[in-house]
Amino acid sequence: MESLLILINIILAVILIIVVLLQRSEGGALGLGVSQDNFTSSRSVGTFLTKFTSIIAALFIICSIAIVAISRDELRETQSVLEKEEEENSNLPQVPQSK
């Protein structure tokens, strides 16, 4: 189950990166000098990409939280490091006490 969620999370991350890169830059921070008029400047496309980005981001966050919740449940079932160390030391032969 955890590996399936990790795979879904990776796919959502790639989709999120692609959708963010497809969006029209509003700040011009890159300074490439390319006119934004060549790109699709329809307001409906921008609104769709914005909503789609929000949905994908929400799914990514929910999937990430689910992965953490599942991994924490698995960790609770195991012993602590100190308990494992004590268990390993009890299996070793004991040194006899000198009198």
PDB file of N, CA and C in Angstrom:
ATOM      1  N   MET A   1       0.820  -1.193   0.000  1.00  0.00           N
ATOM      2  CA  MET A   1       0.000   0.000   0.000  1.00  0.00           C
ATOM      3  C   MET A   1       0.865   1.259   0.000  1.00  0.00           C
ATOM      4  N   GLU A   2       1.929   1.200   0.816  1.00  0.00           N
ATOM      5  CA  GLU A   2       2.801   2.360   0.900  1.00  0.00           C
ATOM      6  C   GLU A   2       3.521   2.615  -0.422  1.00  0.00           C
ATOM      7  N   SER A   3       3.938   1.563  -1.097  1.00  0.00           N
ATOM      8  CA  SER A   3       4.641   1.738  -2.372  1.00  0.00           C
ATOM      9  C   SER A   3       3.698   2.298  -3.445  1.00  0.00           C
ATOM     10  N   LEU A   4       2.426   1.926  -3.391  1.00  0.00           N
ATOM     11  CA  LEU A   4       1.452   2.477  -4.331  1.00  0.00           C
ATOM     12  C   LEU A   4       1.254   3.975  -4.090  1.00  0.00           C
ATOM     13  N   LEU A   5       1.164   4.359  -2.815  1.00  0.00           N
ATOM     14  CA  LEU A   5       1.016   5.781  -2.499  1.00  0.00           C
ATOM     15  C   LEU A   5       2.256   6.580  -2.896  1.00  0.00           C
ATOM     16  N   ILE A   6       3.421   5.994  -2.740  1.00  0.00           N
ATOM     17  CA  ILE A   6       4.649   6.682  -3.153  1.00  0.00           C
ATOM     18  C   ILE A   6       4.666   6.872  -4.660  1.00  0.00           C
ATOM     19  N   LEU A   7       4.245   5.855  -5.404  1.00  0.00           N
ATOM     20  CA  LEU A   7       4.177   5.963  -6.863  1.00  0.00           C
ATOM     21  C   LEU A   7       3.184   7.046  -7.279  1.00  0.00           C
ATOM     22  N   ILE A   8       2.016   7.072  -6.644  1.00  0.00           N
ATOM     23  CA  ILE A   8       1.013   8.102  -6.944  1.00  0.00           C
ATOM     24  C   ILE A   8       1.557   9.485  -6.607  1.00  0.00           C
ATOM     25  N   ASN A   9       2.288   9.580  -5.499  1.00  0.00           N
ATOM     26  CA  ASN A   9       2.855  10.861  -5.089  1.00  0.00           C
ATOM     27  C   ASN A   9       3.895  11.360  -6.089  1.00  0.00           C
ATOM     28  N   ILE A  10       4.699  10.468  -6.617  1.00  0.00           N
ATOM     29  CA  ILE A  10       5.699  10.852  -7.623  1.00  0.00           C
ATOM     30  C   ILE A  10       5.008  11.319  -8.903  1.00  0.00           C
ATOM     31  N   ILE A  11       3.972  10.607  -9.321  1.00  0.00           N
ATOM     32  CA  ILE A  11       3.228  11.000 -10.529  1.00  0.00           C
ATOM     33  C   ILE A  11       2.584  12.377 -10.330  1.00  0.00           C
ATOM     34  N   LEU A  12       1.986  12.585  -9.146  1.00  0.00           N
ATOM     35  CA  LEU A  12       1.375  13.896  -8.860  1.00  0.00           C
ATOM     36  C   LEU A  12       2.418  15.006  -8.850  1.00  0.00           C
ATOM     37  N   ALA A  13       3.610  14.715  -8.335  1.00  0.00           N
ATOM     38  CA  ALA A  13       4.675  15.721  -8.317  1.00  0.00           C
ATOM     39  C   ALA A  13       5.100  16.100  -9.727  1.00  0.00           C
ATOM     40  N   VAL A  14       5.231  15.112 -10.601  1.00  0.00           N
ATOM     41  CA  VAL A  14       5.624  15.394 -11.993  1.00  0.00           C
ATOM     42  C   VAL A  14       4.532  16.200 -12.693  1.00  0.00           C
ATOM     43  N   ILE A  15       3.275  15.815 -12.501  1.00  0.00           N
ATOM     44  CA  ILE A  15       2.163  16.556 -13.109  1.00  0.00           C
ATOM     45  C   ILE A  15       2.131  17.989 -12.584  1.00  0.00           C
ATOM     46  N   LEU A  16       2.356  18.148 -11.280  1.00  0.00           N
ATOM     47  CA  LEU A  16       2.348  19.485 -10.684  1.00  0.00           C
ATOM     48  C   LEU A  16       3.458  20.357 -11.261  1.00  0.00           C
ATOM     49  N   ILE A  17       4.621  19.793 -11.446  1.00  0.00           N
ATOM     50  CA  ILE A  17       5.732  20.551 -12.039  1.00  0.00           C
ATOM     51  C   ILE A  17       5.393  20.972 -13.467  1.00  0.00           C
ATOM     52  N   ILE A  18       4.845  20.060 -14.239  1.00  0.00           N
ATOM     53  CA  ILE A  18       4.506  20.367 -15.636  1.00  0.00           C
ATOM     54  C   ILE A  18       3.434  21.447 -15.709  1.00  0.00           C
ATOM     55  N   VAL A  19       2.403  21.339 -14.860  1.00  0.00           N
ATOM     56  CA  VAL A  19       1.314  22.318 -14.888  1.00  0.00           C
ATOM     57  C   VAL A  19       1.815  23.697 -14.464  1.00  0.00           C
ATOM     58  N   VAL A  20       2.685  23.748 -13.477  1.00  0.00           N
ATOM     59  CA  VAL A  20       3.230  25.044 -13.046  1.00  0.00           C
ATOM     60  C   VAL A  20       4.077  25.654 -14.156  1.00  0.00           C
ATOM     61  N   LEU A  21       4.838  24.834 -14.857  1.00  0.00           N
ATOM     62  CA  LEU A  21       5.660  25.363 -15.948  1.00  0.00           C
ATOM     63  C   LEU A  21       4.832  25.804 -17.148  1.00  0.00           C
ATOM     64  N   LEU A  22       3.649  25.239 -17.323  1.00  0.00           N
ATOM     65  CA  LEU A  22       2.784  25.627 -18.436  1.00  0.00           C
ATOM     66  C   LEU A  22       2.090  26.964 -18.202  1.00  0.00           C
ATOM     67  N   GLN A  23       2.009  27.379 -16.960  1.00  0.00           N
ATOM     68  CA  GLN A  23       1.284  28.614 -16.659  1.00  0.00           C
ATOM     69  C   GLN A  23       2.041  29.830 -17.158  1.00  0.00           C
ATOM     70  N   ARG A  24       1.269  30.847 -17.458  1.00  0.00           N
ATOM     71  CA  ARG A  24       1.825  32.087 -17.969  1.00  0.00           C
ATOM     72  C   ARG A  24       2.505  32.856 -16.845  1.00  0.00           C
ATOM     73  N   SER A  25       3.695  33.329 -17.117  1.00  0.00           N
ATOM     74  CA  SER A  25       4.423  34.111 -16.125  1.00  0.00           C
ATOM     75  C   SER A  25       3.823  35.508 -16.054  1.00  0.00           C
ATOM     76  N   GLU A  26       3.552  35.959 -14.843  1.00  0.00           N
ATOM     77  CA  GLU A  26       2.968  37.286 -14.687  1.00  0.00           C
ATOM     78  C   GLU A  26       3.994  38.311 -14.252  1.00  0.00           C
ATOM     79  N   GLY A  27       5.110  37.860 -13.703  1.00  0.00           N
ATOM     80  CA  GLY A  27       6.083  38.804 -13.186  1.00  0.00           C
ATOM     81  C   GLY A  27       7.191  39.126 -14.166  1.00  0.00           C
ATOM     82  N   GLY A  28       7.473  38.260 -15.078  1.00  0.00           N
ATOM     83  CA  GLY A  28       8.576  38.471 -16.004  1.00  0.00           C
ATOM     84  C   GLY A  28       9.915  38.433 -15.296  1.00  0.00           C
ATOM     85  N   ALA A  29      10.027  37.618 -14.260  1.00  0.00           N
ATOM     86  CA  ALA A  29      11.234  37.586 -13.452  1.00  0.00           C
ATOM     87  C   ALA A  29      12.411  36.956 -14.194  1.00  0.00           C
ATOM     88  N   LEU A  30      12.130  36.169 -15.222  1.00  0.00           N
ATOM     89  CA  LEU A  30      13.221  35.525 -15.944  1.00  0.00           C
ATOM     90  C   LEU A  30      13.967  36.504 -16.847  1.00  0.00           C
ATOM     91  N   GLY A  31      13.279  37.509 -17.315  1.00  0.00           N
ATOM     92  CA  GLY A  31      13.933  38.523 -18.127  1.00  0.00           C
ATOM     93  C   GLY A  31      14.433  38.004 -19.447  1.00  0.00           C
ATOM     94  N   LEU A  32      13.719  37.093 -20.066  1.00  0.00           N
ATOM     95  CA  LEU A  32      14.170  36.524 -21.324  1.00  0.00           C
ATOM     96  C   LEU A  32      13.879  37.431 -22.509  1.00  0.00           C
ATOM     97  N   GLY A  33      13.015  38.407 -22.328  1.00  0.00           N
ATOM     98  CA  GLY A  33      12.679  39.305 -23.417  1.00  0.00           C
ATOM     99  C   GLY A  33      11.686  38.728 -24.398  1.00  0.00           C
ATOM    100  N   VAL A  34      11.094  37.608 -24.097  1.00  0.00           N
ATOM    101  CA  VAL A  34      10.113  36.984 -24.968  1.00  0.00           C
ATOM    102  C   VAL A  34       8.753  37.588 -24.666  1.00  0.00           C
ATOM    103  N   SER A  35       8.063  37.965 -25.705  1.00  0.00           N
ATOM    104  CA  SER A  35       6.746  38.562 -25.532  1.00  0.00           C
ATOM    105  C   SER A  35       5.742  37.507 -25.113  1.00  0.00           C
ATOM    106  N   GLN A  36       4.885  37.879 -24.187  1.00  0.00           N
ATOM    107  CA  GLN A  36       3.862  36.951 -23.721  1.00  0.00           C
ATOM    108  C   GLN A  36       2.700  36.859 -24.707  1.00  0.00           C
ATOM    109  N   ASP A  37       2.674  37.703 -25.725  1.00  0.00           N
ATOM    110  CA  ASP A  37       1.584  37.695 -26.691  1.00  0.00           C
ATOM    111  C   ASP A  37       1.585  36.430 -27.545  1.00  0.00           C
ATOM    112  N   ASN A  38       2.720  35.792 -27.688  1.00  0.00           N
ATOM    113  CA  ASN A  38       2.801  34.590 -28.509  1.00  0.00           C
ATOM    114  C   ASN A  38       2.135  33.391 -27.836  1.00  0.00           C
ATOM    115  N   PHE A  39       2.073  33.424 -26.535  1.00  0.00           N
ATOM    116  CA  PHE A  39       1.500  32.309 -25.801  1.00  0.00           C
ATOM    117  C   PHE A  39      -0.005  32.456 -25.725  1.00  0.00           C
ATOM    118  N   THR A  40      -0.666  31.373 -25.358  1.00  0.00           N
ATOM    119  CA  THR A  40      -2.118  31.416 -25.188  1.00  0.00           C
ATOM    120  C   THR A  40      -2.427  32.313 -24.005  1.00  0.00           C
ATOM    121  N   SER A  41      -3.095  33.414 -24.283  1.00  0.00           N
ATOM    122  CA  SER A  41      -3.343  34.376 -23.209  1.00  0.00           C
ATOM    123  C   SER A  41      -4.825  34.436 -22.851  1.00  0.00           C
ATOM    124  N   SER A  42      -5.541  33.410 -23.200  1.00  0.00           N
ATOM    125  CA  SER A  42      -6.953  33.386 -22.881  1.00  0.00           C
ATOM    126  C   SER A  42      -7.144  33.277 -21.377  1.00  0.00           C
ATOM    127  N   ARG A  43      -8.071  34.041 -20.854  1.00  0.00           N
ATOM    128  CA  ARG A  43      -8.314  34.046 -19.419  1.00  0.00           C
ATOM    129  C   ARG A  43      -8.868  32.700 -18.948  1.00  0.00           C
ATOM    130  N   SER A  44      -9.645  32.041 -19.780  1.00  0.00           N
ATOM    131  CA  SER A  44     -10.216  30.755 -19.379  1.00  0.00           C
ATOM    132  C   SER A  44      -9.136  29.687 -19.242  1.00  0.00           C
ATOM    133  N   VAL A  45      -8.121  29.725 -20.106  1.00  0.00           N
ATOM    134  CA  VAL A  45      -7.034  28.756 -20.001  1.00  0.00           C
ATOM    135  C   VAL A  45      -6.266  28.999 -18.715  1.00  0.00           C
ATOM    136  N   GLY A  46      -6.021  30.264 -18.378  1.00  0.00           N
ATOM    137  CA  GLY A  46      -5.338  30.592 -17.135  1.00  0.00           C
ATOM    138  C   GLY A  46      -6.128  30.164 -15.926  1.00  0.00           C
ATOM    139  N   THR A  47      -7.426  30.359 -15.963  1.00  0.00           N
ATOM    140  CA  THR A  47      -8.275  29.946 -14.855  1.00  0.00           C
ATOM    141  C   THR A  47      -8.284  28.425 -14.726  1.00  0.00           C
ATOM    142  N   PHE A  48      -8.349  27.730 -15.846  1.00  0.00           N
ATOM    143  CA  PHE A  48      -8.330  26.265 -15.807  1.00  0.00           C
ATOM    144  C   PHE A  48      -7.023  25.758 -15.216  1.00  0.00           C
ATOM    145  N   LEU A  49      -5.899  26.318 -15.683  1.00  0.00           N
ATOM    146  CA  LEU A  49      -4.609  25.866 -15.172  1.00  0.00           C
ATOM    147  C   LEU A  49      -4.454  26.182 -13.687  1.00  0.00           C
ATOM    148  N   THR A  50      -4.982  27.320 -13.259  1.00  0.00           N
ATOM    149  CA  THR A  50      -4.907  27.683 -11.845  1.00  0.00           C
ATOM    150  C   THR A  50      -5.715  26.704 -10.994  1.00  0.00           C
ATOM    151  N   LYS A  51      -6.922  26.393 -11.428  1.00  0.00           N
ATOM    152  CA  LYS A  51      -7.758  25.448 -10.686  1.00  0.00           C
ATOM    153  C   LYS A  51      -7.154  24.047 -10.712  1.00  0.00           C
ATOM    154  N   PHE A  52      -6.634  23.647 -11.861  1.00  0.00           N
ATOM    155  CA  PHE A  52      -6.030  22.327 -11.991  1.00  0.00           C
ATOM    156  C   PHE A  52      -4.790  22.216 -11.099  1.00  0.00           C
ATOM    157  N   THR A  53      -3.995  23.291 -11.034  1.00  0.00           N
ATOM    158  CA  THR A  53      -2.824  23.313 -10.159  1.00  0.00           C
ATOM    159  C   THR A  53      -3.242  23.186  -8.708  1.00  0.00           C
ATOM    160  N   SER A  54      -4.297  23.870  -8.317  1.00  0.00           N
ATOM    161  CA  SER A  54      -4.779  23.793  -6.934  1.00  0.00           C
ATOM    162  C   SER A  54      -5.242  22.388  -6.585  1.00  0.00           C
ATOM    163  N   ILE A  55      -5.937  21.751  -7.510  1.00  0.00           N
ATOM    164  CA  ILE A  55      -6.430  20.392  -7.270  1.00  0.00           C
ATOM    165  C   ILE A  55      -5.273  19.408  -7.151  1.00  0.00           C
ATOM    166  N   ILE A  56      -4.313  19.489  -8.073  1.00  0.00           N
ATOM    167  CA  ILE A  56      -3.162  18.587  -8.049  1.00  0.00           C
ATOM    168  C   ILE A  56      -2.330  18.824  -6.786  1.00  0.00           C
ATOM    169  N   ALA A  57      -2.149  20.086  -6.394  1.00  0.00           N
ATOM    170  CA  ALA A  57      -1.388  20.387  -5.181  1.00  0.00           C
ATOM    171  C   ALA A  57      -2.087  19.825  -3.947  1.00  0.00           C
ATOM    172  N   ALA A  58      -3.404  19.950  -3.886  1.00  0.00           N
ATOM    173  CA  ALA A  58      -4.156  19.407  -2.749  1.00  0.00           C
ATOM    174  C   ALA A  58      -4.032  17.887  -2.702  1.00  0.00           C
ATOM    175  N   LEU A  59      -4.145  17.227  -3.848  1.00  0.00           N
ATOM    176  CA  LEU A  59      -3.991  15.772  -3.896  1.00  0.00           C
ATOM    177  C   LEU A  59      -2.579  15.345  -3.486  1.00  0.00           C
ATOM    178  N   PHE A  60      -1.584  16.118  -3.904  1.00  0.00           N
ATOM    179  CA  PHE A  60      -0.195  15.832  -3.539  1.00  0.00           C
ATOM    180  C   PHE A  60       0.004  15.922  -2.029  1.00  0.00           C
ATOM    181  N   ILE A  61      -0.555  16.957  -1.416  1.00  0.00           N
ATOM    182  CA  ILE A  61      -0.418  17.131   0.031  1.00  0.00           C
ATOM    183  C   ILE A  61      -1.153  16.025   0.781  1.00  0.00           C
ATOM    184  N   ILE A  62      -2.360  15.689   0.342  1.00  0.00           N
ATOM    185  CA  ILE A  62      -3.127  14.622   0.989  1.00  0.00           C
ATOM    186  C   ILE A  62      -2.391  13.286   0.870  1.00  0.00           C
ATOM    187  N   CYS A  63      -1.833  13.019  -0.288  1.00  0.00           N
ATOM    188  CA  CYS A  63      -1.094  11.775  -0.501  1.00  0.00           C
ATOM    189  C   CYS A  63       0.171  11.742   0.377  1.00  0.00           C
ATOM    190  N   SER A  64       0.845  12.875   0.505  1.00  0.00           N
ATOM    191  CA  SER A  64       2.042  12.942   1.350  1.00  0.00           C
ATOM    192  C   SER A  64       1.696  12.692   2.813  1.00  0.00           C
ATOM    193  N   ILE A  65       0.593  13.266   3.279  1.00  0.00           N
ATOM    194  CA  ILE A  65       0.164  13.060   4.659  1.00  0.00           C
ATOM    195  C   ILE A  65      -0.217  11.601   4.882  1.00  0.00           C
ATOM    196  N   ALA A  66      -0.850  10.993   3.899  1.00  0.00           N
ATOM    197  CA  ALA A  66      -1.219   9.578   4.014  1.00  0.00           C
ATOM    198  C   ALA A  66       0.022   8.690   4.097  1.00  0.00           C
ATOM    199  N   ILE A  67       1.054   9.005   3.339  1.00  0.00           N
ATOM    200  CA  ILE A  67       2.297   8.231   3.389  1.00  0.00           C
ATOM    201  C   ILE A  67       2.929   8.340   4.770  1.00  0.00           C
ATOM    202  N   VAL A  68       2.943   9.548   5.324  1.00  0.00           N
ATOM    203  CA  VAL A  68       3.513   9.743   6.660  1.00  0.00           C
ATOM    204  C   VAL A  68       2.700   8.975   7.702  1.00  0.00           C
ATOM    205  N   ALA A  69       1.380   9.019   7.593  1.00  0.00           N
ATOM    206  CA  ALA A  69       0.530   8.315   8.560  1.00  0.00           C
ATOM    207  C   ALA A  69       0.748   6.810   8.498  1.00  0.00           C
ATOM    208  N   ILE A  70       0.871   6.276   7.305  1.00  0.00           N
ATOM    209  CA  ILE A  70       1.098   4.838   7.160  1.00  0.00           C
ATOM    210  C   ILE A  70       2.476   4.450   7.693  1.00  0.00           C
ATOM    211  N   SER A  71       3.489   5.245   7.395  1.00  0.00           N
ATOM    212  CA  SER A  71       4.832   4.903   7.858  1.00  0.00           C
ATOM    213  C   SER A  71       4.938   5.028   9.375  1.00  0.00           C
ATOM    214  N   ARG A  72       4.226   5.962   9.985  1.00  0.00           N
ATOM    215  CA  ARG A  72       4.249   6.078  11.445  1.00  0.00           C
ATOM    216  C   ARG A  72       3.568   4.886  12.100  1.00  0.00           C
ATOM    217  N   ASP A  73       2.495   4.383  11.505  1.00  0.00           N
ATOM    218  CA  ASP A  73       1.835   3.203  12.053  1.00  0.00           C
ATOM    219  C   ASP A  73       2.764   1.999  12.024  1.00  0.00           C
ATOM    220  N   GLU A  74       3.545   1.878  10.971  1.00  0.00           N
ATOM    221  CA  GLU A  74       4.490   0.763  10.875  1.00  0.00           C
ATOM    222  C   GLU A  74       5.609   0.913  11.897  1.00  0.00           C
ATOM    223  N   LEU A  75       6.024   2.152  12.165  1.00  0.00           N
ATOM    224  CA  LEU A  75       7.087   2.376  13.140  1.00  0.00           C
ATOM    225  C   LEU A  75       6.627   2.082  14.561  1.00  0.00           C
ATOM    226  N   ARG A  76       5.372   2.305  14.857  1.00  0.00           N
ATOM    227  CA  ARG A  76       4.859   2.060  16.205  1.00  0.00           C
ATOM    228  C   ARG A  76       4.841   0.574  16.539  1.00  0.00           C
ATOM    229  N   GLU A  77       4.707  -0.259  15.530  1.00  0.00           N
ATOM    230  CA  GLU A  77       4.672  -1.693  15.756  1.00  0.00           C
ATOM    231  C   GLU A  77       6.045  -2.260  16.084  1.00  0.00           C
ATOM    232  N   THR A  78       7.095  -1.598  15.673  1.00  0.00           N
ATOM    233  CA  THR A  78       8.442  -2.097  15.923  1.00  0.00           C
ATOM    234  C   THR A  78       8.920  -1.651  17.290  1.00  0.00           C
ATOM    235  N   GLN A  79      10.001  -2.244  17.722  1.00  0.00           N
ATOM    236  CA  GLN A  79      10.583  -1.900  19.005  1.00  0.00           C
ATOM    237  C   GLN A  79      11.470  -0.672  18.858  1.00  0.00           C
ATOM    238  N   SER A  80      11.773  -0.083  19.995  1.00  0.00           N
ATOM    239  CA  SER A  80      12.696   1.043  19.952  1.00  0.00           C
ATOM    240  C   SER A  80      14.114   0.520  19.762  1.00  0.00           C
ATOM    241  N   VAL A  81      15.031   1.404  19.492  1.00  0.00           N
ATOM    242  CA  VAL A  81      16.414   1.019  19.259  1.00  0.00           C
ATOM    243  C   VAL A  81      17.012   0.431  20.533  1.00  0.00           C
ATOM    244  N   LEU A  82      16.682   1.017  21.675  1.00  0.00           N
ATOM    245  CA  LEU A  82      17.222   0.517  22.936  1.00  0.00           C
ATOM    246  C   LEU A  82      16.715  -0.887  23.255  1.00  0.00           C
ATOM    247  N   GLU A  83      15.426  -1.154  22.973  1.00  0.00           N
ATOM    248  CA  GLU A  83      14.891  -2.483  23.214  1.00  0.00           C
ATOM    249  C   GLU A  83      15.548  -3.512  22.303  1.00  0.00           C
ATOM    250  N   LYS A  84      15.819  -3.138  21.066  1.00  0.00           N
ATOM    251  CA  LYS A  84      16.504  -4.057  20.157  1.00  0.00           C
ATOM    252  C   LYS A  84      17.919  -4.337  20.633  1.00  0.00           C
ATOM    253  N   GLU A  85      18.604  -3.312  21.133  1.00  0.00           N
ATOM    254  CA  GLU A  85      19.967  -3.468  21.617  1.00  0.00           C
ATOM    255  C   GLU A  85      20.005  -4.397  22.830  1.00  0.00           C
ATOM    256  N   GLU A  86      19.067  -4.247  23.754  1.00  0.00           N
ATOM    257  CA  GLU A  86      19.009  -5.118  24.923  1.00  0.00           C
ATOM    258  C   GLU A  86      18.719  -6.558  24.517  1.00  0.00           C
ATOM    259  N   GLU A  87      17.852  -6.725  23.529  1.00  0.00           N
ATOM    260  CA  GLU A  87      17.516  -8.068  23.067  1.00  0.00           C
ATOM    261  C   GLU A  87      18.723  -8.733  22.416  1.00  0.00           C
ATOM    262  N   GLU A  88      19.499  -7.982  21.656  1.00  0.00           N
ATOM    263  CA  GLU A  88      20.690  -8.542  21.009  1.00  0.00           C
ATOM    264  C   GLU A  88      21.751  -8.892  22.048  1.00  0.00           C
ATOM    265  N   ASN A  89      21.889  -8.061  23.073  1.00  0.00           N
ATOM    266  CA  ASN A  89      22.891  -8.333  24.102  1.00  0.00           C
ATOM    267  C   ASN A  89      22.513  -9.530  24.965  1.00  0.00           C
ATOM    268  N   SER A  90      21.239  -9.802  25.125  1.00  0.00           N
ATOM    269  CA  SER A  90      20.829 -10.947  25.931  1.00  0.00           C
ATOM    270  C   SER A  90      21.111 -12.267  25.217  1.00  0.00           C
ATOM    271  N   ASN A  91      21.224 -12.243  23.903  1.00  0.00           N
ATOM    272  CA  ASN A  91      21.514 -13.459  23.149  1.00  0.00           C
ATOM    273  C   ASN A  91      23.002 -13.806  23.144  1.00  0.00           C
ATOM    274  N   LEU A  92      23.838 -12.849  23.500  1.00  0.00           N
ATOM    275  CA  LEU A  92      25.273 -13.099  23.516  1.00  0.00           C
ATOM    276  C   LEU A  92      25.646 -13.907  24.757  1.00  0.00           C
ATOM    277  N   PRO A  93      26.683 -14.707  24.660  1.00  0.00           N
ATOM    278  CA  PRO A  93      27.114 -15.446  25.857  1.00  0.00           C
ATOM    279  C   PRO A  93      27.633 -14.470  26.911  1.00  0.00           C
ATOM    280  N   GLN A  94      27.301 -14.751  28.147  1.00  0.00           N
ATOM    281  CA  GLN A  94      27.691 -13.876  29.239  1.00  0.00           C
ATOM    282  C   GLN A  94      29.077 -14.267  29.752  1.00  0.00           C
ATOM    283  N   VAL A  95      29.821 -13.252  30.156  1.00  0.00           N
ATOM    284  CA  VAL A  95      31.150 -13.473  30.727  1.00  0.00           C
ATOM    285  C   VAL A  95      30.946 -13.911  32.173  1.00  0.00           C
ATOM    286  N   PRO A  96      31.573 -15.039  32.590  1.00  0.00           N
ATOM    287  CA  PRO A  96      31.392 -15.469  33.980  1.00  0.00           C
ATOM    288  C   PRO A  96      32.052 -14.486  34.955  1.00  0.00           C
ATOM    289  N   GLN A  97      31.425 -14.324  36.078  1.00  0.00           N
ATOM    290  CA  GLN A  97      31.931 -13.425  37.113  1.00  0.00           C
ATOM    291  C   GLN A  97      33.076 -14.089  37.856  1.00  0.00           C
ATOM    292  N   SER A  98      34.136 -13.363  38.055  1.00  0.00           N
ATOM    293  CA  SER A  98      35.286 -13.925  38.814  1.00  0.00           C
ATOM    294  C   SER A  98      35.054 -13.704  40.318  1.00  0.00           C
ATOM    295  N   LYS A  99      35.515 -14.662  41.132  1.00  0.00           N
ATOM    296  CA  LYS A  99      35.315 -14.589  42.572  1.00  0.00           C
ATOM    297  C   LYS A  99      36.506 -14.131  43.279  1.00  0.00           C
TER     298      LYS A  99
END
